[in-house]
Protein backbone atom coordinates (compact mmCIF):
# COMPACT_ATOMS: atom_id res chain seq x y z
CA MET A 1 57.47 178.63 68.93
CA ALA A 2 56.48 182.08 70.19
CA LYS A 3 59.57 183.61 68.61
CA ALA A 4 62.90 182.42 67.28
CA PHE A 5 65.96 181.93 69.45
CA ALA A 6 68.09 185.07 69.44
CA SER A 7 70.88 183.19 67.69
CA GLN A 8 68.67 182.05 64.80
CA GLY A 9 68.52 185.63 63.58
CA ASP A 10 72.25 186.31 64.10
CA MET A 11 73.61 186.21 60.57
CA THR A 12 76.22 188.98 60.91
CA GLU A 13 79.67 188.09 59.58
CA LYS A 14 82.33 188.38 62.29
CA LYS A 15 85.80 189.85 61.82
CA ILE A 16 88.59 187.31 62.31
CA SER A 17 91.70 188.18 64.31
CA PHE A 18 94.87 186.09 64.57
CA THR A 19 96.80 187.22 67.62
CA GLU A 20 100.21 186.04 68.83
CA VAL A 21 99.91 185.25 72.54
CA GLY A 22 103.44 183.89 72.93
CA GLU A 23 106.31 182.85 70.69
CA GLY A 24 104.79 180.46 68.15
CA LEU A 25 101.40 180.57 69.91
CA TYR A 26 98.29 182.15 68.38
CA ALA A 27 94.64 182.76 69.16
CA PHE A 28 92.16 182.67 66.28
CA THR A 29 89.22 184.83 67.42
CA ALA A 30 86.10 186.19 65.76
CA GLU A 31 84.20 188.74 67.88
CA GLY A 32 82.55 186.23 70.20
CA ASP A 33 82.30 183.29 67.80
CA PRO A 34 84.15 180.10 68.82
CA ASN A 35 87.91 180.57 69.09
CA SER A 36 90.69 178.20 68.07
CA GLY A 37 94.31 178.06 69.20
CA VAL A 38 97.55 177.31 67.39
CA ILE A 39 100.72 175.89 68.93
CA ILE A 40 103.73 175.72 66.60
CA GLY A 41 106.33 173.16 67.57
CA ASP A 42 109.73 172.32 66.11
CA ASP A 43 108.39 170.12 63.32
CA SER A 44 104.60 170.33 63.45
CA VAL A 45 101.54 172.24 64.65
CA MET A 46 98.86 171.52 67.25
CA ILE A 47 95.38 173.02 66.85
CA ILE A 48 93.14 173.67 69.86
CA GLU A 49 89.43 173.46 68.87
CA ALA A 50 88.35 172.45 65.38
CA GLN A 51 85.40 174.79 64.63
CA ALA A 52 81.94 173.52 63.66
CA THR A 53 82.55 172.52 60.05
CA PRO A 54 85.48 171.71 57.76
CA ARG A 55 84.76 174.89 55.80
CA LEU A 56 85.16 177.02 58.93
CA ALA A 57 88.22 175.00 59.95
CA ASN A 58 89.84 176.04 56.67
CA LYS A 59 89.74 179.65 57.87
CA VAL A 60 91.94 178.57 60.78
CA ILE A 61 94.21 176.67 58.40
CA ASP A 62 94.57 179.77 56.22
CA CYS A 63 95.78 181.71 59.27
CA VAL A 64 98.20 178.93 60.21
CA ARG A 65 99.64 178.95 56.70
CA SER A 66 100.26 182.69 57.00
CA VAL A 67 102.86 181.98 59.71
CA THR A 68 104.18 178.45 59.10
CA ASP A 69 104.26 175.65 56.53
CA LYS A 70 104.77 172.93 59.15
CA PRO A 71 102.23 170.09 59.01
CA ILE A 72 99.33 169.92 61.46
CA SER A 73 99.94 166.81 63.54
CA HIS A 74 97.53 167.17 66.48
CA VAL A 75 94.02 168.51 67.07
CA VAL A 76 93.02 168.94 70.72
CA LEU A 77 89.33 169.30 71.54
CA THR A 78 88.66 170.79 74.96
CA HIS A 79 85.13 169.34 75.14
CA TYR A 80 82.46 167.67 73.02
CA HIS A 81 80.26 170.53 71.77
CA ALA A 82 79.46 170.43 68.06
CA VAL A 83 80.69 173.97 67.34
CA ARG A 84 84.11 172.94 68.66
CA VAL A 85 84.63 169.52 67.12
CA LEU A 86 82.80 168.82 63.86
CA GLY A 87 85.40 170.55 61.67
CA ALA A 88 88.24 168.29 62.80
CA SER A 89 88.50 166.31 59.56
CA ALA A 90 89.78 169.38 57.68
CA PHE A 91 93.09 169.34 59.58
CA ASP A 92 94.00 165.77 58.56
CA ALA A 93 95.91 165.40 61.84
CA ASN A 94 97.63 162.26 63.04
CA GLN A 95 96.03 162.54 66.46
CA VAL A 96 92.70 163.94 67.65
CA ILE A 97 92.79 164.24 71.44
CA MET A 98 89.97 164.56 74.00
CA SER A 99 89.54 163.68 77.64
CA ASP A 100 88.04 160.28 78.40
CA MET A 101 84.95 162.03 79.73
CA ALA A 102 84.52 164.15 76.60
CA ARG A 103 84.68 161.05 74.42
CA GLY A 104 82.03 159.45 76.58
CA MET A 105 79.84 162.48 76.09
CA VAL A 106 80.20 162.22 72.30
CA ALA A 107 78.86 158.68 72.64
CA GLU A 108 76.12 159.69 75.05
CA ARG A 109 74.88 162.92 73.51
CA GLY A 110 77.01 163.93 70.54
CA GLN A 111 74.32 163.58 67.86
CA GLU A 112 71.69 165.24 70.04
CA ASP A 113 74.05 168.14 70.69
CA TRP A 114 74.78 168.52 66.97
CA ASP A 115 71.07 168.61 66.12
CA SER A 116 70.37 171.03 68.96
CA GLU A 117 73.19 173.45 68.19
CA PHE A 118 72.47 173.43 64.46
CA GLN A 119 68.87 174.42 65.15
CA ARG A 120 69.82 177.12 67.63
CA PHE A 121 72.70 178.82 65.78
CA PRO A 122 72.73 178.03 62.05
CA ARG A 123 75.34 180.68 61.13
CA LEU A 124 78.02 178.80 63.06
CA PHE A 125 77.53 175.80 60.77
CA GLU A 126 78.59 177.39 57.48
CA GLY A 127 79.28 174.55 55.06
CA HIS A 128 77.55 172.00 57.29
CA GLU A 129 77.16 169.66 54.31
CA SER A 130 80.93 169.06 54.49
CA ILE A 131 80.76 167.49 57.98
CA PRO A 132 81.55 163.77 57.60
CA GLY A 133 79.88 162.74 60.86
CA LEU A 134 80.55 162.83 64.59
CA THR A 135 84.16 163.55 65.55
CA TRP A 136 85.80 160.74 67.53
CA PRO A 137 89.22 161.09 69.17
CA THR A 138 92.10 158.82 68.33
CA THR A 139 93.63 159.43 71.77
CA THR A 140 92.09 160.08 75.20
CA PHE A 141 93.36 160.58 78.73
CA ASN A 142 91.98 160.94 82.23
CA ASP A 143 93.69 163.69 84.26
CA LYS A 144 96.86 164.74 82.42
CA MET A 145 98.73 164.04 79.20
CA THR A 146 101.93 165.61 77.87
CA VAL A 147 102.58 165.99 74.15
CA TYR A 148 105.98 166.99 72.77
CA LEU A 149 106.10 168.87 69.48
CA GLY A 150 109.84 168.38 69.14
CA ASN A 151 111.23 170.17 72.20
CA ARG A 152 108.04 172.13 72.81
CA ARG A 153 106.03 170.62 75.65
CA VAL A 154 102.25 170.91 75.86
CA ASP A 155 100.48 169.76 79.02
CA LEU A 156 96.85 168.77 78.52
CA MET A 157 94.93 168.69 81.80
CA HIS A 158 91.48 168.07 83.19
CA LEU A 159 91.45 170.53 86.10
CA GLY A 160 87.81 170.07 87.05
CA ARG A 161 84.28 170.36 85.78
CA ALA A 162 83.00 173.72 84.59
CA HIS A 163 81.55 174.36 81.11
CA THR A 164 81.08 170.58 80.75
CA ALA A 165 82.07 167.47 82.69
CA GLY A 166 85.03 166.77 80.42
CA ASP A 167 86.72 170.16 79.97
CA ILE A 168 90.48 170.22 79.42
CA VAL A 169 93.04 173.01 79.12
CA ALA A 170 96.37 173.14 77.28
CA HIS A 171 99.36 174.76 78.99
CA VAL A 172 102.59 175.61 77.17
CA PRO A 173 105.22 175.96 79.93
CA ASP A 174 107.99 177.59 77.88
CA GLN A 175 105.78 180.66 77.34
CA ASN A 176 103.45 180.18 80.35
CA VAL A 177 100.40 180.42 78.07
CA MET A 178 97.14 178.53 78.46
CA PHE A 179 94.32 177.62 76.09
CA THR A 180 91.25 177.24 78.31
CA GLY A 181 88.37 176.42 76.00
CA ASP A 182 85.06 177.72 77.32
CA ILE A 183 86.05 177.61 80.98
CA VAL A 184 87.19 181.23 80.54
CA GLU A 185 85.50 183.80 78.28
CA TYR A 186 86.17 187.47 77.58
CA HIS A 187 83.25 189.86 77.08
CA SER A 188 81.24 186.92 75.85
CA ALA A 189 78.51 185.12 77.75
CA CYS A 190 79.41 181.75 79.22
CA TYR A 191 77.25 178.95 77.87
CA CYS A 192 76.25 177.05 81.01
CA GLY A 193 73.59 174.73 79.59
CA ASP A 194 75.83 171.69 80.14
CA GLY A 195 77.77 173.18 83.02
CA TYR A 196 78.48 172.63 86.69
CA PHE A 197 77.85 175.91 88.49
CA GLY A 198 78.97 174.61 91.87
CA GLU A 199 82.37 173.49 90.57
CA TRP A 200 83.18 176.10 87.93
CA GLY A 201 84.75 178.51 90.44
CA ALA A 202 87.15 175.89 91.82
CA THR A 203 88.28 175.08 88.28
CA LEU A 204 88.86 178.79 87.65
CA ASP A 205 90.96 178.90 90.84
CA LYS A 206 93.19 176.12 89.49
CA ILE A 207 93.70 178.03 86.24
CA LYS A 208 94.44 181.23 88.16
CA ALA A 209 97.04 179.43 90.28
CA TYR A 210 99.21 178.95 87.20
CA GLY A 211 99.75 182.72 86.99
CA VAL A 212 99.84 182.50 83.21
CA ASP A 213 101.04 185.38 81.08
CA ALA A 214 98.37 184.91 78.41
CA ILE A 215 95.20 182.96 77.76
CA ALA A 216 93.43 182.09 74.54
CA PRO A 217 89.85 181.89 75.86
CA GLY A 218 86.91 180.03 74.40
CA ARG A 219 85.31 183.19 73.06
CA GLY A 220 86.36 186.80 72.93
CA ASP A 221 89.70 188.54 72.51
CA ALA A 222 93.05 187.00 73.34
CA LEU A 223 94.10 187.81 76.91
CA VAL A 224 97.67 189.06 77.02
CA GLY A 225 99.25 190.05 80.34
CA GLN A 226 98.37 188.87 83.83
CA GLU A 227 96.13 191.86 84.53
CA MET A 228 93.89 191.05 81.56
CA VAL A 229 94.03 187.32 82.34
CA ASN A 230 92.94 187.80 85.95
CA ALA A 231 90.21 190.27 84.99
CA ALA A 232 88.75 187.76 82.55
CA ILE A 233 88.88 184.94 85.09
CA GLU A 234 87.08 187.04 87.70
CA ASN A 235 84.56 188.30 85.16
CA THR A 236 83.79 184.72 84.15
CA ARG A 237 83.37 183.84 87.82
CA ASP A 238 80.96 186.74 88.33
CA PHE A 239 78.89 185.70 85.30
CA VAL A 240 78.57 182.10 86.49
CA ASP A 241 77.91 182.98 90.14
CA SER A 242 75.39 185.72 89.34
CA THR A 243 73.42 183.40 87.08
CA TYR A 244 73.30 180.58 89.59
CA ALA A 245 72.56 182.65 92.69
CA ALA A 246 69.51 184.27 91.12
CA ALA A 247 68.09 180.96 89.87
CA ALA A 248 68.85 179.19 93.16
CA ARG A 249 66.89 181.74 95.19
CA VAL A 250 63.85 181.07 93.03
CA ALA A 251 64.26 177.30 93.23
CA ALA A 252 64.59 177.46 97.04
CA ARG A 253 61.14 179.05 97.37
CA GLY A 254 59.52 176.70 94.87
CA GLY A 255 59.32 179.19 92.03
CA SER A 256 58.96 178.25 88.37
CA LEU A 257 61.48 178.19 85.54
CA LYS A 258 59.86 181.39 84.24
CA ASP A 259 60.39 182.98 87.68
CA ALA A 260 64.05 181.95 87.52
CA TRP A 261 64.33 183.47 84.04
CA ASN A 262 63.02 186.80 85.33
CA ALA A 263 65.32 186.72 88.35
CA VAL A 264 68.42 185.95 86.31
CA ARG A 265 67.56 188.71 83.86
CA GLU A 266 67.21 191.16 86.73
CA ALA A 267 70.59 190.15 88.17
CA CYS A 268 72.57 189.73 84.95
CA ASP A 269 71.16 192.13 82.34
CA PRO A 270 72.72 195.24 83.94
CA LYS A 271 76.18 193.65 83.94
CA PHE A 272 76.25 191.36 80.93
CA ALA A 273 73.54 192.26 78.41
CA ASP A 274 76.09 193.70 75.95
CA TYR A 275 78.20 190.52 75.95
CA ALA A 276 78.43 188.44 72.79
CA ILE A 277 75.83 185.62 72.58
CA TYR A 278 74.23 186.73 75.86
CA GLU A 279 70.67 186.35 74.62
CA HIS A 280 71.53 183.04 72.96
CA CYS A 281 72.94 181.54 76.16
CA LEU A 282 70.46 182.94 78.65
CA PRO A 283 67.56 180.44 78.39
CA PHE A 284 69.89 177.44 78.50
CA ASN A 285 71.86 178.95 81.39
CA VAL A 286 68.70 179.57 83.40
CA ALA A 287 67.36 176.08 82.73
CA ARG A 288 70.59 174.41 83.86
CA ALA A 289 70.99 176.67 86.94
CA TYR A 290 67.39 175.96 87.95
CA ASP A 291 67.96 172.22 87.52
CA GLU A 292 71.18 172.21 89.52
CA ALA A 293 69.60 174.25 92.32
CA ARG A 294 66.82 171.63 92.53
CA GLY A 295 69.32 168.81 92.94
CA ILE A 296 69.71 167.61 89.33
CA ALA A 297 73.44 167.02 89.58
CA HIS A 298 74.25 166.21 85.96
CA PRO A 299 73.08 168.27 82.97
CA ARG A 300 70.17 166.76 81.09
CA ILE A 301 70.71 166.12 77.39
CA TRP A 302 69.60 168.97 75.16
CA THR A 303 67.76 167.90 72.03
CA ASP A 304 66.23 169.99 69.27
CA LYS A 305 62.81 169.07 70.71
CA ARG A 306 63.72 169.93 74.31
CA ASP A 307 65.16 173.27 73.18
CA VAL A 308 61.84 174.28 71.63
CA GLU A 309 59.75 173.09 74.57
CA MET A 310 61.93 175.02 77.05
CA TRP A 311 61.81 178.17 74.94
CA GLU A 312 58.02 177.98 74.58
CA ASP A 313 57.68 177.62 78.35
CA LEU A 314 59.75 180.77 78.86
CA GLN A 315 57.75 182.72 76.26
CA SER A 316 54.34 181.68 77.59
């Protein structure tokens, strides 16, 4: 490899924040590292996103225990990516919930994704030896599922494809708060390597139509207040659209992946270069945008071998 992925050298410890985004609702954030969410019900707790390892999941549990001693009954995983799901065993929940599509993607590409992500971003897998294996849901659904934590209602919904084919969101109506996973980010690059550029915007529109008062995004700070929520949604849209448009222009004239890389850098660096994990995401984003623009409708499976081959092509 000509040089390491940007993320392989990112070993800086991130500061954890635990922010209340509604009554009994919290966002666990860490300066652009993967976020988790906490929903406290009458008798038990639901966790949104499990972190990459049980050791990292215990940091979420420590924050939960600072505000409640209620048992953790549910873990909701918004999609299949390793950094979101492999810590689920630490919560010892009664139910682990995914969309039907996300479960299918665990079966199709879960191990490949784990191997790929571990190679790319080793810091996010602190305590990786504690991972018992792939995380499988106990419960799945297609379009919508409602969970009651006592009287507290949580609506789990697949609103459309965006970050992956199987993305879901969690909406808590009594506080009008949403946990969006990686469909929405805040001052953090979107990872689009398994995404659907042409559909992401429509999914953002469906989220925006809820007019929520707060969002716990996939990465970045908690979004409190409709002004901050809408700004983050539109910023995410701009990131996705800018990436795709630049790559699509190159693909339309028969240019190479390296040409697309240069074009996306020219379009996106001035606006997004200071975002968390920007350099990490960029090669995968360009590769997927270039594929989609050339008619490859569904994201190809990333493997540790494919990662290296793509990166060497871009560095040549």
